[in-house]
Protein backbone atom coordinates (compact mmCIF):
# COMPACT_ATOMS: atom_id res chain seq x y z
CA MET A 1 251.22 263.73 271.66
CA LYS A 2 251.55 261.94 275.01
CA GLU A 3 251.61 258.40 276.33
CA LYS A 4 248.85 255.97 275.42
CA LEU A 5 245.76 256.22 277.62
CA TYR A 6 243.56 253.19 278.23
CA ASN A 7 240.62 254.99 279.83
CA LEU A 8 238.19 255.93 277.06
CA GLU A 9 236.87 259.00 278.83
CA GLU A 10 240.40 260.33 279.28
CA ARG A 11 241.22 259.60 275.64
CA LEU A 12 238.11 261.42 274.44
CA VAL A 13 238.84 264.41 276.68
CA ARG A 14 242.45 264.54 275.50
CA PHE A 15 241.32 264.15 271.88
CA ALA A 16 238.88 267.08 272.19
CA GLY A 17 241.59 269.16 273.87
CA GLU A 18 244.14 268.35 271.17
CA VAL A 19 241.55 269.30 268.54
CA ILE A 20 241.28 272.73 270.18
CA ASN A 21 245.08 273.06 270.13
CA PHE A 22 245.15 271.96 266.48
CA CYS A 23 242.48 274.48 265.54
CA ASN A 24 244.79 277.24 266.73
CA SER A 25 247.12 276.29 263.87
CA LEU A 26 244.42 276.57 261.21
CA PRO A 27 244.40 279.67 259.01
CA LYS A 28 241.85 282.35 259.83
CA SER A 29 240.38 281.90 256.34
CA GLN A 30 236.77 280.96 255.60
CA SER A 31 237.66 277.26 255.34
CA GLY A 32 239.91 277.33 258.43
CA LEU A 33 237.21 278.93 260.55
CA TYR A 34 234.51 276.59 259.22
CA TYR A 35 236.42 273.36 259.85
CA SER A 36 237.79 274.63 263.15
CA ASP A 37 234.23 275.16 264.37
CA GLN A 38 233.12 271.78 262.98
CA ILE A 39 235.81 269.64 264.56
CA MET A 40 235.75 271.44 267.89
CA ARG A 41 231.99 270.86 268.18
CA SER A 42 232.02 267.23 266.99
CA SER A 43 235.04 266.12 269.04
CA GLY A 44 233.73 267.88 272.14
CA SER A 45 230.31 266.33 271.62
CA ALA A 46 231.88 262.86 271.48
CA ALA A 47 233.52 263.39 274.88
CA LEU A 48 230.39 264.92 276.43
CA ASN A 49 228.06 262.21 275.14
CA TYR A 50 230.42 259.53 276.43
CA GLY A 51 230.05 261.11 279.86
CA GLU A 52 226.28 260.90 279.48
CA ALA A 53 226.51 257.27 278.34
CA GLN A 54 228.38 256.43 281.54
CA GLY A 55 225.36 257.62 283.51
CA ALA A 56 222.77 255.90 281.33
CA ASN A 57 219.97 254.22 283.26
CA THR A 58 219.23 251.56 280.64
CA SER A 59 221.14 249.60 278.04
CA LYS A 60 219.00 251.22 275.35
CA ASP A 61 220.00 254.69 276.57
CA PHE A 62 223.68 253.65 276.72
CA ILE A 63 223.53 252.37 273.15
CA HIS A 64 221.82 255.57 272.01
CA LYS A 65 224.43 257.82 273.66
CA MET A 66 227.32 255.71 272.37
CA SER A 67 225.80 255.87 268.88
CA ILE A 68 226.02 259.65 269.13
CA VAL A 69 229.65 259.35 270.27
CA LEU A 70 230.37 257.18 267.23
CA LYS A 71 228.55 259.55 264.86
CA GLU A 72 230.45 262.57 266.18
CA LEU A 73 233.81 260.79 265.94
CA LYS A 74 233.09 259.82 262.34
CA GLU A 75 232.14 263.41 261.56
CA THR A 76 235.40 264.61 263.12
CA ARG A 77 237.34 262.04 261.11
CA VAL A 78 235.86 263.19 257.80
CA SER A 79 236.60 266.84 258.61
CA LEU A 80 240.18 265.93 259.52
CA LYS A 81 240.53 264.01 256.25
CA ILE A 82 239.38 267.08 254.35
CA LEU A 83 241.89 269.26 256.20
CA ASN A 84 244.55 266.66 255.48
CA TYR A 85 243.64 266.70 251.78
CA VAL A 86 244.08 270.47 251.58
CA ASN A 87 247.11 270.35 253.92
CA GLN A 88 245.73 272.80 256.50
CA GLY A 89 246.92 272.94 260.08
CA GLU A 90 250.05 271.69 261.75
CA GLU A 91 250.94 268.43 260.03
CA GLU A 92 252.20 266.52 263.09
CA LYS A 93 249.08 267.33 265.12
CA ARG A 94 246.81 266.60 262.16
CA ASN A 95 248.42 263.18 261.67
CA TRP A 96 248.15 262.39 265.39
CA LEU A 97 244.47 263.39 265.44
CA LEU A 98 243.73 261.22 262.41
CA LYS A 99 245.51 258.25 263.99
CA GLU A 100 243.70 258.76 267.30
CA VAL A 101 240.23 259.12 265.75
CA ASN A 102 240.90 256.00 263.67
CA GLU A 103 241.41 254.14 266.96
CA LEU A 104 238.50 255.77 268.82
CA VAL A 105 235.91 254.92 266.15
CA PRO A 106 236.29 251.12 266.34
CA ILE A 107 236.54 251.20 270.14
CA SER A 108 233.21 253.04 270.32
CA ALA A 109 231.61 250.76 267.74
CA LYS A 110 232.77 247.69 269.67
CA MET A 111 231.26 249.02 272.90
CA ILE A 112 227.91 249.40 271.15
CA LEU A 113 228.14 245.91 269.65
CA ASN A 114 229.12 244.36 273.00
CA LYS A 115 226.18 246.02 274.79
CA LYS A 116 223.78 244.86 272.07
CA ARG A 117 225.12 241.29 272.34
CA ALA A 118 224.81 241.36 276.13
CA ASN A 119 221.14 242.32 275.77
CA SER A 120 220.33 239.56 273.27
């Protein structure tokens, strides 16, 4: 969609915003409305929980919030895979979202792992 961002918060915000744009291309059918709601909530939750993780008072709280980020990104990824399987939504945006979420998941997982290692 745009140039590569290296700030995770900005990437998560852009990702959630692009999900909203993508949802506008989904059909107004039962499945389109269902998955639109799902991916908007899960991608938005990932961005919001990352913001909370940044303000965490303890490593344990940071890990917990980042675990939620990771869970929500994985949920978004599965929903996007389903939409990809049934070929719903604008193809170019869908492919970009799948590529982006496939990069965001390991970044988030690595942050959790690094924090756990630092606390060992």
